[in-house]
Protein backbone atom coordinates (compact mmCIF):
# COMPACT_ATOMS: atom_id res chain seq x y z
CA UNK A 1 6.28 -26.85 5.55
CA UNK A 2 7.32 -28.30 2.11
CA UNK A 3 4.12 -30.36 2.14
CA UNK A 4 2.08 -27.09 2.44
CA UNK A 5 4.13 -25.40 -0.30
CA UNK A 6 3.74 -28.41 -2.46
CA UNK A 7 0.02 -28.51 -2.04
CA UNK A 8 -0.07 -24.98 -2.98
CA UNK A 9 1.74 -25.46 -6.17
CA UNK A 10 -0.71 -28.25 -7.12
CA UNK A 11 -3.60 -25.54 -6.54
CA UNK A 12 -1.73 -23.02 -8.65
CA UNK A 13 -1.09 -25.54 -11.48
CA UNK A 14 -4.60 -26.48 -11.64
CA UNK A 15 -5.70 -23.03 -11.72
CA UNK A 16 -3.22 -22.17 -14.61
CA UNK A 17 -4.39 -25.14 -16.50
CA UNK A 18 -7.89 -23.62 -16.88
CA UNK A 19 -6.30 -21.67 -19.85
CA UNK A 20 -4.15 -18.94 -21.00
CA UNK A 21 -7.14 -16.80 -21.53
CA UNK A 22 -7.25 -16.03 -17.92
CA UNK A 23 -3.82 -14.30 -17.94
CA UNK A 24 -5.16 -10.90 -19.00
CA UNK A 25 -8.09 -10.50 -16.74
CA UNK A 26 -5.88 -11.92 -13.66
CA UNK A 27 -3.38 -9.27 -14.31
CA UNK A 28 -6.23 -6.60 -14.35
CA UNK A 29 -7.45 -7.75 -10.90
CA UNK A 30 -3.95 -7.90 -9.64
CA UNK A 31 -3.52 -4.30 -10.62
CA UNK A 32 -6.37 -3.44 -8.56
CA UNK A 33 -4.43 -4.26 -5.57
CA UNK A 34 -1.34 -2.31 -6.49
CA UNK A 35 0.41 0.89 -5.21
CA UNK A 36 0.21 2.40 -8.63
CA UNK A 37 -3.56 1.96 -8.76
CA UNK A 38 -4.31 3.44 -5.18
CA UNK A 39 -2.03 6.28 -6.12
CA UNK A 40 -4.37 7.23 -8.88
CA UNK A 41 -7.72 6.56 -7.21
CA UNK A 42 -7.20 7.65 -3.70
CA UNK A 43 -6.33 11.15 -4.37
CA UNK A 44 -9.36 11.42 -6.58
CA UNK A 45 -11.60 10.30 -3.68
CA UNK A 46 -9.86 12.65 -1.13
CA UNK A 47 -9.78 15.77 -3.37
CA UNK A 48 -12.86 15.38 -5.57
CA UNK A 49 -15.55 13.11 -3.86
CA UNK A 50 -15.36 12.46 0.05
CA UNK A 51 -12.12 13.87 1.86
CA UNK A 52 -13.40 11.89 5.10
CA UNK A 53 -13.71 8.52 3.43
CA UNK A 54 -10.54 9.16 1.41
CA UNK A 55 -8.53 9.86 4.62
CA UNK A 56 -9.79 6.48 6.19
CA UNK A 57 -9.08 4.43 3.06
CA UNK A 58 -5.49 6.20 2.86
CA UNK A 59 -4.72 5.59 6.65
CA UNK A 60 -5.89 1.84 6.44
CA UNK A 61 -3.78 1.26 3.19
CA UNK A 62 -0.63 2.75 4.78
CA UNK A 63 -1.17 0.81 7.99
CA UNK A 64 -1.90 -2.32 6.26
CA UNK A 65 1.24 -1.85 4.04
CA UNK A 66 3.38 -1.27 7.23
CA UNK A 67 2.14 -4.35 8.99
CA UNK A 68 2.51 -6.51 6.00
CA UNK A 69 6.22 -5.68 5.36
CA UNK A 70 6.77 -6.56 9.13
CA UNK A 71 5.04 -9.84 8.85
CA UNK A 72 6.73 -10.73 5.47
CA UNK A 73 10.05 -10.34 7.33
CA UNK A 74 8.75 -12.48 10.24
CA UNK A 75 7.53 -15.39 8.07
CA UNK A 76 10.08 -15.12 5.19
CA UNK A 77 8.30 -17.40 2.94
CA UNK A 78 9.16 -17.91 -0.74
CA UNK A 79 7.07 -17.00 -3.94
CA UNK A 80 5.68 -20.08 -5.69
CA UNK A 81 7.88 -19.47 -8.80
CA UNK A 82 10.81 -19.29 -6.46
CA UNK A 83 10.11 -22.39 -4.82
CA UNK A 84 9.04 -24.59 -7.86
CA UNK A 85 9.47 -24.51 -11.60
CA UNK A 86 6.10 -26.26 -12.02
CA UNK A 87 4.18 -22.88 -11.74
CA UNK A 88 4.51 -20.70 -14.64
CA UNK A 89 5.09 -17.09 -13.33
CA UNK A 90 3.28 -14.19 -14.93
CA UNK A 91 4.63 -11.49 -12.65
CA UNK A 92 7.82 -11.06 -10.55
CA UNK A 93 8.15 -9.90 -7.01
CA UNK A 94 11.27 -9.26 -4.99
CA UNK A 95 9.83 -9.26 -1.51
CA UNK A 96 8.87 -12.32 0.56
CA UNK A 97 5.39 -13.89 -0.20
CA UNK A 98 3.51 -14.52 3.08
CA UNK A 99 1.15 -12.82 3.87
CA UNK A 100 -0.24 -11.69 0.57
CA UNK A 101 0.07 -7.81 0.47
CA UNK A 102 -2.43 -7.56 -2.33
CA UNK A 103 -4.96 -9.78 -0.42
CA UNK A 104 -4.45 -7.85 2.72
CA UNK A 105 -4.66 -4.45 1.33
CA UNK A 106 -7.77 -5.39 -0.70
CA UNK A 107 -9.67 -6.59 2.28
CA UNK A 108 -8.84 -3.34 4.21
CA UNK A 109 -9.15 -0.77 1.31
CA UNK A 110 -12.21 -2.10 -0.63
CA UNK A 111 -13.82 -3.08 2.69
CA UNK A 112 -13.37 0.53 3.95
CA UNK A 113 -14.76 1.80 0.77
CA UNK A 114 -17.94 -0.43 1.03
CA UNK A 115 -18.26 0.78 4.70
CA UNK A 116 -18.23 4.39 3.49
CA UNK A 117 -20.72 3.64 0.93
CA UNK A 118 -23.08 1.71 3.37
CA UNK A 119 -25.11 -0.20 0.75
CA UNK A 120 -25.44 -3.93 0.41
CA UNK A 121 -24.48 -3.72 -3.14
CA UNK A 122 -21.14 -2.01 -2.18
CA UNK A 123 -20.16 -4.97 0.16
CA UNK A 124 -21.14 -7.38 -2.35
CA UNK A 125 -18.97 -5.62 -5.04
CA UNK A 126 -16.09 -5.23 -2.48
CA UNK A 127 -16.17 -8.99 -1.59
CA UNK A 128 -16.16 -9.98 -5.15
CA UNK A 129 -13.23 -7.61 -5.95
CA UNK A 130 -11.27 -8.83 -2.72
CA UNK A 131 -11.58 -12.60 -3.85
CA UNK A 132 -10.69 -11.92 -7.38
CA UNK A 133 -7.60 -9.99 -6.47
CA UNK A 134 -6.60 -12.86 -4.15
CA UNK A 135 -7.37 -15.50 -6.91
CA UNK A 136 -5.30 -13.42 -9.37
CA UNK A 137 -2.25 -13.73 -7.26
CA UNK A 138 -2.51 -17.53 -7.21
CA UNK A 139 -2.87 -17.57 -11.14
CA UNK A 140 0.05 -15.33 -11.46
CA UNK A 141 2.16 -17.67 -9.23
CA UNK A 142 3.18 -14.82 -7.02
CA UNK A 143 1.44 -16.14 -3.80
CA UNK A 144 0.52 -19.70 -2.30
CA UNK A 145 -3.15 -20.15 -1.25
CA UNK A 146 -2.11 -19.76 2.54
CA UNK A 147 -0.53 -16.29 1.68
CA UNK A 148 -3.76 -15.11 0.30
CA UNK A 149 -5.93 -16.48 3.03
CA UNK A 150 -3.67 -15.22 5.70
CA UNK A 151 -3.65 -11.74 4.03
CA UNK A 152 -7.43 -11.63 3.86
CA UNK A 153 -7.66 -12.36 7.56
CA UNK A 154 -5.13 -9.65 8.65
CA UNK A 155 -6.81 -7.22 6.35
CA UNK A 156 -10.06 -7.94 7.70
CA UNK A 157 -8.73 -7.59 11.28
CA UNK A 158 -7.16 -4.30 10.56
CA UNK A 159 -10.53 -2.97 8.94
CA UNK A 160 -12.41 -4.11 12.00
CA UNK A 161 -9.96 -2.26 14.29
CA UNK A 162 -9.99 0.85 12.33
CA UNK A 163 -13.71 1.15 12.00
CA UNK A 164 -13.96 0.31 15.84
CA UNK A 165 -11.58 2.89 17.20
CA UNK A 166 -11.56 5.57 14.33
CA UNK A 167 -14.20 7.86 15.95
CA UNK A 168 -12.64 7.79 19.49
CA UNK A 169 -9.01 8.30 18.14
CA UNK A 170 -10.23 11.12 16.04
CA UNK A 171 -12.03 12.78 18.94
CA UNK A 172 -9.02 12.58 21.18
CA UNK A 173 -6.57 13.86 18.32
CA UNK A 174 -8.83 17.00 17.76
CA UNK A 175 -8.24 18.08 21.36
CA UNK A 176 -4.43 18.06 20.99
CA UNK A 177 -2.45 20.97 19.85
CA UNK A 178 -0.92 21.18 16.33
CA UNK A 179 2.59 20.42 17.56
CA UNK A 180 1.23 17.34 19.58
CA UNK A 181 -0.58 16.02 16.61
CA UNK A 182 2.62 16.25 14.42
CA UNK A 183 4.74 14.52 17.16
CA UNK A 184 2.23 11.76 17.34
CA UNK A 185 2.04 11.35 13.58
CA UNK A 186 5.77 11.06 13.56
CA UNK A 187 5.52 8.57 16.54
CA UNK A 188 3.14 6.34 14.80
CA UNK A 189 5.39 6.57 11.65
CA UNK A 190 8.63 5.55 13.73
CA UNK A 191 6.65 2.83 15.47
CA UNK A 192 5.65 1.38 11.94
CA UNK A 193 9.24 1.24 10.94
CA UNK A 194 10.29 -0.22 14.25
CA UNK A 195 7.94 -3.19 13.64
CA UNK A 196 10.00 -4.45 10.81
CA UNK A 197 13.42 -4.12 12.54
CA UNK A 198 13.58 -7.38 14.64
CA UNK A 199 12.74 -9.37 11.65
CA UNK A 200 15.21 -7.44 9.35
CA UNK A 201 18.01 -7.72 11.96
CA UNK A 202 17.53 -11.57 12.54
CA UNK A 203 17.36 -12.43 9.00
CA UNK A 204 20.60 -10.38 8.32
CA UNK A 205 22.31 -12.14 10.98
CA UNK A 206 20.98 -15.76 10.70
CA UNK A 207 19.69 -16.33 7.27
CA UNK A 208 20.55 -16.58 3.71
CA UNK A 209 18.24 -16.84 0.73
CA UNK A 210 18.40 -20.24 -0.71
CA UNK A 211 20.26 -20.56 -3.82
CA UNK A 212 17.46 -22.58 -5.46
CA UNK A 213 15.01 -19.66 -4.96
CA UNK A 214 17.37 -17.42 -6.92
CA UNK A 215 18.03 -19.95 -9.56
CA UNK A 216 14.35 -20.58 -10.21
CA UNK A 217 13.43 -16.80 -10.17
CA UNK A 218 16.22 -16.24 -12.70
CA UNK A 219 14.85 -18.78 -14.98
CA UNK A 220 11.41 -17.71 -14.85
CA UNK A 221 12.30 -14.12 -15.48
CA UNK A 222 15.82 -13.78 -16.97
CA UNK A 223 15.56 -10.25 -17.38
CA UNK A 224 13.55 -9.44 -14.29
CA UNK A 225 14.66 -8.38 -10.81
CA UNK A 226 15.87 -11.11 -8.64
CA UNK A 227 14.45 -11.64 -5.07
CA UNK A 228 15.90 -9.04 -2.62
CA UNK A 229 13.46 -9.58 0.34
CA UNK A 230 15.72 -8.54 3.32
CA UNK A 231 15.11 -4.75 3.10
CA UNK A 232 13.75 -1.86 5.10
CA UNK A 233 12.49 0.36 2.21
CA UNK A 234 9.15 -1.32 2.31
CA UNK A 235 8.55 -0.16 5.81
CA UNK A 236 9.82 3.20 5.37
CA UNK A 237 7.45 4.03 2.26
CA UNK A 238 4.15 3.70 4.12
CA UNK A 239 5.43 4.92 7.37
CA UNK A 240 6.73 8.27 5.81
CA UNK A 241 3.73 8.75 3.76
CA UNK A 242 1.52 8.31 6.88
CA UNK A 243 3.44 10.87 8.58
CA UNK A 244 3.21 13.29 5.70
CA UNK A 245 -0.48 12.68 5.22
CA UNK A 246 -1.44 13.13 9.12
CA UNK A 247 0.84 16.01 9.78
CA UNK A 248 -0.19 17.92 6.70
CA UNK A 249 -3.97 17.30 7.57
CA UNK A 250 -3.39 18.54 10.97
CA UNK A 251 -1.73 21.89 9.67
CA UNK A 252 -4.48 22.35 6.94
CA UNK A 253 -7.31 21.52 9.30
CA UNK A 254 -6.16 24.53 11.42
CA UNK A 255 -6.71 26.73 8.44
CA UNK A 256 -10.16 25.54 7.89
CA UNK A 257 -9.90 22.59 5.59
CA UNK A 258 -11.58 22.41 2.22
CA UNK A 259 -14.83 21.09 0.68
CA UNK A 260 -14.77 18.50 -2.00
CA UNK A 261 -18.26 19.76 -3.45
CA UNK A 262 -18.27 21.82 -6.74
CA UNK A 263 -18.96 21.45 -10.39
CA UNK A 264 -17.40 18.49 -12.42
CA UNK A 265 -15.08 20.62 -14.31
CA UNK A 266 -13.54 21.99 -11.01
CA UNK A 267 -13.17 18.50 -9.60
CA UNK A 268 -11.47 17.33 -12.71
CA UNK A 269 -8.94 20.15 -12.61
CA UNK A 270 -8.26 19.42 -8.86
CA UNK A 271 -7.37 15.90 -9.79
CA UNK A 272 -5.19 17.04 -12.91
CA UNK A 273 -3.41 19.58 -10.76
CA UNK A 274 -2.99 17.37 -7.79
CA UNK A 275 -1.73 14.29 -9.64
CA UNK A 276 1.01 16.52 -11.24
CA UNK A 277 2.08 17.33 -7.79
CA UNK A 278 2.13 13.76 -6.79
CA UNK A 279 4.28 12.75 -9.70
CA UNK A 280 6.70 15.74 -9.02
CA UNK A 281 7.40 14.28 -5.52
CA UNK A 282 6.98 10.71 -6.43
CA UNK A 283 9.20 10.60 -9.61
CA UNK A 284 10.77 13.98 -9.82
CA UNK A 285 12.29 13.76 -6.34
CA UNK A 286 13.39 10.08 -6.99
CA UNK A 287 15.46 11.30 -9.86
CA UNK A 288 17.02 14.04 -8.02
CA UNK A 289 17.64 12.16 -4.90
CA UNK A 290 19.27 9.22 -7.07
CA UNK A 291 22.06 11.61 -8.04
CA UNK A 292 23.22 11.60 -4.41
CA UNK A 293 22.91 8.02 -3.65
CA UNK A 294 22.96 4.78 -5.69
CA UNK A 295 22.51 2.04 -2.86
CA UNK A 296 18.90 2.11 -1.91
CA UNK A 297 19.54 0.22 1.39
CA UNK A 298 22.13 2.85 2.53
CA UNK A 299 21.09 5.11 5.38
CA UNK A 300 21.15 8.20 3.34
CA UNK A 301 18.80 6.47 0.80
CA UNK A 302 16.34 5.55 3.78
CA UNK A 303 16.39 9.25 4.76
CA UNK A 304 15.97 10.55 1.57
CA UNK A 305 13.00 8.08 0.74
CA UNK A 306 11.29 9.02 4.04
CA UNK A 307 11.47 12.74 3.11
CA UNK A 308 10.21 12.05 -0.52
CA UNK A 309 7.27 10.05 0.83
CA UNK A 310 6.45 12.38 3.72
CA UNK A 311 6.23 15.13 1.06
CA UNK A 312 3.79 12.97 -1.06
CA UNK A 313 1.59 12.44 1.91
CA UNK A 314 1.62 16.04 2.79
CA UNK A 315 1.00 17.15 -0.68
CA UNK A 316 -2.13 14.94 -0.79
CA UNK A 317 -3.64 15.90 2.45
CA UNK A 318 -2.57 19.76 2.63
CA UNK A 319 -0.45 20.99 -0.28
CA UNK A 320 -2.80 20.27 -2.98
CA UNK A 321 -5.97 21.34 -1.25
CA UNK A 322 -4.26 24.56 -0.33
CA UNK A 323 -3.43 25.27 -4.05
CA UNK A 324 -7.19 24.37 -5.03
CA UNK A 325 -8.38 27.08 -2.65
CA UNK A 326 -5.86 29.59 -3.99
CA UNK A 327 -6.98 28.91 -7.56
CA UNK A 328 -10.70 29.04 -6.42
CA UNK A 329 -11.24 25.27 -7.55
CA UNK A 330 -12.36 24.47 -3.90
CA UNK A 331 -13.87 26.27 -0.97
CA UNK A 332 -13.10 26.05 2.63
CA UNK A 333 -15.25 23.81 4.67
CA UNK A 334 -18.45 25.53 6.01
CA UNK A 335 -18.88 25.14 9.81
């Protein structure tokens, strides 16, 4: 394994030797694969452009995040700058490295966007963005080449599975009652969390992070966070958000849903109001819940995290659209 890792370090060093001028554009492309970027873009897509496409993109994003967390625990591979000081780190991460979450998510999300646009240029643009996001993670020394390649493959597989079975799954769910849909959403959420449990429990009982990883990370980022990869929070976040998103959607569809059409000023107001709500649940509740628990890996912290992210998901799919209709910024769907 060290041979593969050392070879990866050589590729990263060669890429970084192309010049410091690449740092800013590589950080930009890396940002295109972050949770913060998607939190800004996906609500705009769902509320203002195409709710159906926005839902598909949101679902594959959350599924990919949950699967990625489970696989990271299973492989428990290091980040390049943890493993070797030869690579200059331009960003720090606390989770395991393989597979690359940025590469995996990029393949799923940007691929889903291209499938919704259904134009050749969209697929070409998506392929370019997916490649550059993966390349950026190498340059920043937060992933090895095999991390990125595996991420692309898994993301592509999840994209294919989602596109292949979406129609049949949606048709089947429409025949279920509201209670059944909510229960199924919770079961899917719970299953996502359970995916990470075997790896987490094994690592807690049988594994300890190598001291050299911590030393290298501390030298690379003296004021940054040290690696803390054996955690369950990364599984709870997407699982809870998925539950909130799907259960909120099930409830709101029973009330007629909403239309994303309308003049530009209404769409802009929708986005602004909706984003305020996201920030209230995402940041406001984090501050409030932080009063009650300090250890983010305690049971109570897990429960409060689940509640917070479930509310974020429900606000996006149901709470915000309900407010838009009340404020006459959106109409109910016709037919």
